[in-house]
Amino acid sequence: MVHTKTSHHDRMEVFLEKYREPLPKPLEELERKALSEDVPIIRSGTRDMLRFLLRERKPKEVLEIGTAVGFSAILMAEYDPVECEIITIENY
């Protein structure tokens, strides 16, 4: 019997995989554009965690600091199971 060491990170990835969903077409296009222009947006693992937190916590208000192209705000609006007010702040 071979034992493999599983890290906390690996277990978290496996847990979050059940929250993974394909992006809606407009977000997919925004992601592609942002990546091609080197605009930082959240990675897929972070999106999975955000979906999990939205479904568990069901926030009615969210403050996003550092909006860039609005990818995360749109994602949160799409996946929050309750009506939510999202306030975004950007440096410029």
N, C-alpha and C. Protein backbone atom coordinates (compact mmCIF):
# COMPACT_ATOMS: atom_id res chain seq x y z
N MET A 1 0.83 -1.17 0.00
CA MET A 1 0.00 0.00 0.00
C MET A 1 0.88 1.24 0.00
N VAL A 2 0.63 2.12 -0.94
CA VAL A 2 1.42 3.34 -1.07
C VAL A 2 0.61 4.50 -0.51
N HIS A 3 1.23 5.23 0.38
CA HIS A 3 0.59 6.43 0.94
C HIS A 3 1.11 7.65 0.21
N THR A 4 0.21 8.49 -0.20
CA THR A 4 0.63 9.75 -0.79
C THR A 4 0.21 10.86 0.15
N LYS A 5 1.06 11.81 0.27
CA LYS A 5 0.77 12.93 1.16
C LYS A 5 -0.14 13.91 0.43
N THR A 6 -1.31 14.14 0.99
CA THR A 6 -2.26 15.07 0.40
C THR A 6 -2.19 16.37 1.18
N SER A 7 -1.95 17.45 0.49
CA SER A 7 -1.84 18.74 1.16
C SER A 7 -3.22 19.33 1.42
N HIS A 8 -3.24 20.27 2.32
CA HIS A 8 -4.47 21.02 2.61
C HIS A 8 -4.99 21.67 1.33
N HIS A 9 -4.08 22.19 0.53
CA HIS A 9 -4.45 22.84 -0.73
C HIS A 9 -5.16 21.85 -1.66
N ASP A 10 -4.64 20.64 -1.77
CA ASP A 10 -5.25 19.62 -2.64
C ASP A 10 -6.66 19.28 -2.17
N ARG A 11 -6.83 19.12 -0.87
CA ARG A 11 -8.16 18.80 -0.34
C ARG A 11 -9.13 19.94 -0.59
N MET A 12 -8.66 21.17 -0.48
CA MET A 12 -9.51 22.33 -0.73
C MET A 12 -9.93 22.37 -2.20
N GLU A 13 -9.01 22.07 -3.10
CA GLU A 13 -9.32 22.04 -4.53
C GLU A 13 -10.40 20.99 -4.83
N VAL A 14 -10.27 19.81 -4.24
CA VAL A 14 -11.25 18.75 -4.46
C VAL A 14 -12.61 19.19 -3.92
N PHE A 15 -12.63 19.79 -2.74
CA PHE A 15 -13.88 20.28 -2.15
C PHE A 15 -14.55 21.32 -3.05
N LEU A 16 -13.76 22.26 -3.54
CA LEU A 16 -14.31 23.36 -4.33
C LEU A 16 -14.73 22.95 -5.73
N GLU A 17 -14.20 21.84 -6.23
CA GLU A 17 -14.56 21.39 -7.58
C GLU A 17 -16.07 21.20 -7.74
N LYS A 18 -16.75 20.83 -6.67
CA LYS A 18 -18.20 20.63 -6.78
C LYS A 18 -18.96 21.94 -6.98
N TYR A 19 -18.29 23.07 -6.79
CA TYR A 19 -18.91 24.38 -7.03
C TYR A 19 -18.51 24.95 -8.39
N ARG A 20 -17.68 24.24 -9.10
CA ARG A 20 -17.21 24.72 -10.40
C ARG A 20 -18.33 24.63 -11.42
N GLU A 21 -18.55 25.70 -12.12
CA GLU A 21 -19.56 25.77 -13.17
C GLU A 21 -18.96 26.52 -14.35
N PRO A 22 -19.43 26.24 -15.53
CA PRO A 22 -18.95 27.04 -16.67
C PRO A 22 -19.40 28.48 -16.50
N LEU A 23 -18.58 29.38 -16.97
CA LEU A 23 -18.94 30.80 -16.91
C LEU A 23 -20.04 31.11 -17.91
N PRO A 24 -20.95 32.00 -17.55
CA PRO A 24 -21.91 32.48 -18.55
C PRO A 24 -21.14 33.15 -19.69
N LYS A 25 -21.69 33.11 -20.88
CA LYS A 25 -21.01 33.61 -22.09
C LYS A 25 -20.44 35.03 -21.91
N PRO A 26 -21.22 36.00 -21.38
CA PRO A 26 -20.64 37.35 -21.24
C PRO A 26 -19.41 37.39 -20.32
N LEU A 27 -19.42 36.59 -19.24
CA LEU A 27 -18.26 36.55 -18.36
C LEU A 27 -17.09 35.83 -19.02
N GLU A 28 -17.38 34.82 -19.80
CA GLU A 28 -16.33 34.11 -20.53
C GLU A 28 -15.62 35.07 -21.49
N GLU A 29 -16.40 35.88 -22.18
CA GLU A 29 -15.83 36.86 -23.11
C GLU A 29 -15.03 37.93 -22.37
N LEU A 30 -15.56 38.39 -21.23
CA LEU A 30 -14.85 39.39 -20.43
C LEU A 30 -13.54 38.82 -19.90
N GLU A 31 -13.55 37.57 -19.47
CA GLU A 31 -12.34 36.92 -18.99
C GLU A 31 -11.29 36.85 -20.11
N ARG A 32 -11.70 36.42 -21.27
CA ARG A 32 -10.78 36.31 -22.41
C ARG A 32 -10.17 37.68 -22.74
N LYS A 33 -11.00 38.72 -22.76
CA LYS A 33 -10.51 40.07 -23.07
C LYS A 33 -9.55 40.57 -21.99
N ALA A 34 -9.92 40.37 -20.73
CA ALA A 34 -9.06 40.82 -19.63
C ALA A 34 -7.71 40.12 -19.67
N LEU A 35 -7.72 38.82 -19.87
CA LEU A 35 -6.46 38.08 -19.93
C LEU A 35 -5.60 38.51 -21.10
N SER A 36 -6.22 38.79 -22.24
CA SER A 36 -5.45 39.22 -23.42
C SER A 36 -4.83 40.60 -23.22
N GLU A 37 -5.43 41.40 -22.33
CA GLU A 37 -4.93 42.75 -22.07
C GLU A 37 -4.17 42.84 -20.74
N ASP A 38 -3.85 41.69 -20.16
CA ASP A 38 -3.12 41.61 -18.89
C ASP A 38 -3.82 42.35 -17.75
N VAL A 39 -5.14 42.33 -17.73
CA VAL A 39 -5.91 42.90 -16.63
C VAL A 39 -6.11 41.79 -15.61
N PRO A 40 -5.73 42.03 -14.36
CA PRO A 40 -5.86 40.96 -13.36
C PRO A 40 -7.33 40.69 -13.00
N ILE A 41 -7.70 39.42 -13.06
CA ILE A 41 -9.02 38.97 -12.61
C ILE A 41 -8.82 37.72 -11.76
N ILE A 42 -9.85 37.34 -11.02
CA ILE A 42 -9.70 36.20 -10.12
C ILE A 42 -9.57 34.90 -10.90
N ARG A 43 -8.80 33.98 -10.35
CA ARG A 43 -8.57 32.67 -10.97
C ARG A 43 -9.74 31.74 -10.69
N SER A 44 -9.78 30.63 -11.39
CA SER A 44 -10.91 29.71 -11.28
C SER A 44 -11.09 29.16 -9.86
N GLY A 45 -10.01 28.85 -9.15
CA GLY A 45 -10.13 28.36 -7.78
C GLY A 45 -10.74 29.40 -6.87
N THR A 46 -10.37 30.66 -7.07
CA THR A 46 -10.94 31.75 -6.28
C THR A 46 -12.41 31.93 -6.62
N ARG A 47 -12.76 31.76 -7.90
CA ARG A 47 -14.18 31.84 -8.30
C ARG A 47 -14.99 30.76 -7.61
N ASP A 48 -14.43 29.55 -7.54
CA ASP A 48 -15.13 28.45 -6.87
C ASP A 48 -15.36 28.78 -5.40
N MET A 49 -14.34 29.33 -4.74
CA MET A 49 -14.47 29.70 -3.33
C MET A 49 -15.50 30.81 -3.17
N LEU A 50 -15.49 31.76 -4.06
CA LEU A 50 -16.46 32.86 -4.00
C LEU A 50 -17.88 32.34 -4.18
N ARG A 51 -18.10 31.44 -5.12
CA ARG A 51 -19.43 30.84 -5.30
C ARG A 51 -19.87 30.12 -4.03
N PHE A 52 -18.96 29.35 -3.43
CA PHE A 52 -19.27 28.64 -2.20
C PHE A 52 -19.68 29.63 -1.11
N LEU A 53 -18.88 30.67 -0.91
CA LEU A 53 -19.18 31.65 0.14
C LEU A 53 -20.50 32.38 -0.11
N LEU A 54 -20.76 32.72 -1.36
CA LEU A 54 -22.02 33.39 -1.68
C LEU A 54 -23.22 32.51 -1.35
N ARG A 55 -23.12 31.25 -1.69
CA ARG A 55 -24.24 30.32 -1.44
C ARG A 55 -24.41 30.05 0.06
N GLU A 56 -23.31 30.01 0.78
CA GLU A 56 -23.40 29.72 2.21
C GLU A 56 -23.81 30.93 3.03
N ARG A 57 -23.23 32.08 2.72
CA ARG A 57 -23.44 33.28 3.53
C ARG A 57 -24.62 34.13 3.05
N LYS A 58 -24.95 34.05 1.77
CA LYS A 58 -26.06 34.81 1.17
C LYS A 58 -26.02 36.31 1.56
N PRO A 59 -24.93 36.98 1.23
CA PRO A 59 -24.81 38.38 1.64
C PRO A 59 -25.82 39.27 0.92
N LYS A 60 -26.27 40.27 1.62
CA LYS A 60 -27.19 41.25 1.02
C LYS A 60 -26.43 42.49 0.55
N GLU A 61 -25.20 42.63 1.04
CA GLU A 61 -24.33 43.73 0.63
C GLU A 61 -22.91 43.21 0.48
N VAL A 62 -22.24 43.69 -0.56
CA VAL A 62 -20.84 43.32 -0.81
C VAL A 62 -20.08 44.59 -1.16
N LEU A 63 -18.90 44.74 -0.60
CA LEU A 63 -18.00 45.83 -0.97
C LEU A 63 -16.80 45.20 -1.67
N GLU A 64 -16.60 45.58 -2.91
CA GLU A 64 -15.45 45.08 -3.67
C GLU A 64 -14.44 46.22 -3.81
N ILE A 65 -13.22 45.96 -3.36
CA ILE A 65 -12.17 46.97 -3.45
C ILE A 65 -11.21 46.51 -4.54
N GLY A 66 -11.07 47.33 -5.56
CA GLY A 66 -10.24 46.99 -6.72
C GLY A 66 -11.09 46.30 -7.77
N THR A 67 -11.80 47.07 -8.54
CA THR A 67 -12.79 46.53 -9.47
C THR A 67 -12.22 46.14 -10.83
N ALA A 68 -11.22 46.84 -11.29
CA ALA A 68 -10.63 46.62 -12.62
C ALA A 68 -11.72 46.66 -13.69
N VAL A 69 -12.01 45.52 -14.34
CA VAL A 69 -13.02 45.50 -15.40
C VAL A 69 -14.39 45.04 -14.91
N GLY A 70 -14.52 44.79 -13.59
CA GLY A 70 -15.81 44.41 -13.03
C GLY A 70 -16.11 42.93 -13.08
N PHE A 71 -15.14 42.11 -13.41
CA PHE A 71 -15.36 40.67 -13.55
C PHE A 71 -15.93 40.06 -12.27
N SER A 72 -15.29 40.31 -11.14
CA SER A 72 -15.74 39.72 -9.87
C SER A 72 -17.12 40.22 -9.47
N ALA A 73 -17.37 41.51 -9.68
CA ALA A 73 -18.69 42.07 -9.33
C ALA A 73 -19.79 41.42 -10.15
N ILE A 74 -19.54 41.23 -11.42
CA ILE A 74 -20.53 40.58 -12.29
C ILE A 74 -20.72 39.13 -11.87
N LEU A 75 -19.63 38.45 -11.55
CA LEU A 75 -19.70 37.07 -11.08
C LEU A 75 -20.53 36.98 -9.81
N MET A 76 -20.29 37.88 -8.86
CA MET A 76 -21.05 37.87 -7.61
C MET A 76 -22.53 38.15 -7.86
N ALA A 77 -22.81 39.08 -8.73
CA ALA A 77 -24.21 39.39 -9.05
C ALA A 77 -24.89 38.18 -9.68
N GLU A 78 -24.15 37.44 -10.47
CA GLU A 78 -24.69 36.26 -11.14
C GLU A 78 -24.96 35.12 -10.18
N TYR A 79 -24.08 34.92 -9.20
CA TYR A 79 -24.14 33.72 -8.37
C TYR A 79 -24.67 33.93 -6.95
N ASP A 80 -24.90 35.16 -6.51
CA ASP A 80 -25.46 35.34 -5.17
C ASP A 80 -26.91 34.88 -5.20
N PRO A 81 -27.30 33.95 -4.30
CA PRO A 81 -28.66 33.40 -4.35
C PRO A 81 -29.74 34.36 -3.85
N VAL A 82 -29.34 35.48 -3.29
CA VAL A 82 -30.31 36.47 -2.82
C VAL A 82 -30.03 37.79 -3.53
N GLU A 83 -31.01 38.68 -3.52
CA GLU A 83 -30.78 40.00 -4.10
C GLU A 83 -29.71 40.70 -3.28
N CYS A 84 -28.72 41.25 -3.94
CA CYS A 84 -27.56 41.79 -3.25
C CYS A 84 -27.14 43.13 -3.87
N GLU A 85 -26.76 44.06 -3.01
CA GLU A 85 -26.20 45.32 -3.48
C GLU A 85 -24.69 45.19 -3.47
N ILE A 86 -24.07 45.45 -4.62
CA ILE A 86 -22.62 45.35 -4.74
C ILE A 86 -22.07 46.75 -4.97
N ILE A 87 -21.22 47.17 -4.07
CA ILE A 87 -20.56 48.47 -4.18
C ILE A 87 -19.11 48.22 -4.56
N THR A 88 -18.64 48.89 -5.59
CA THR A 88 -17.27 48.68 -6.04
C THR A 88 -16.47 49.97 -5.91
N ILE A 89 -15.21 49.82 -5.62
CA ILE A 89 -14.28 50.95 -5.48
C ILE A 89 -13.08 50.66 -6.36
N GLU A 90 -12.72 51.64 -7.16
CA GLU A 90 -11.53 51.50 -8.01
C GLU A 90 -10.64 52.70 -7.78
N ASN A 91 -9.38 52.53 -8.01
CA ASN A 91 -8.38 53.56 -7.77
C ASN A 91 -8.54 54.79 -8.68
N TYR A 92 -9.11 54.60 -9.85
CA TYR A 92 -9.26 55.72 -10.78
C TYR A 92 -10.63 55.73 -11.37
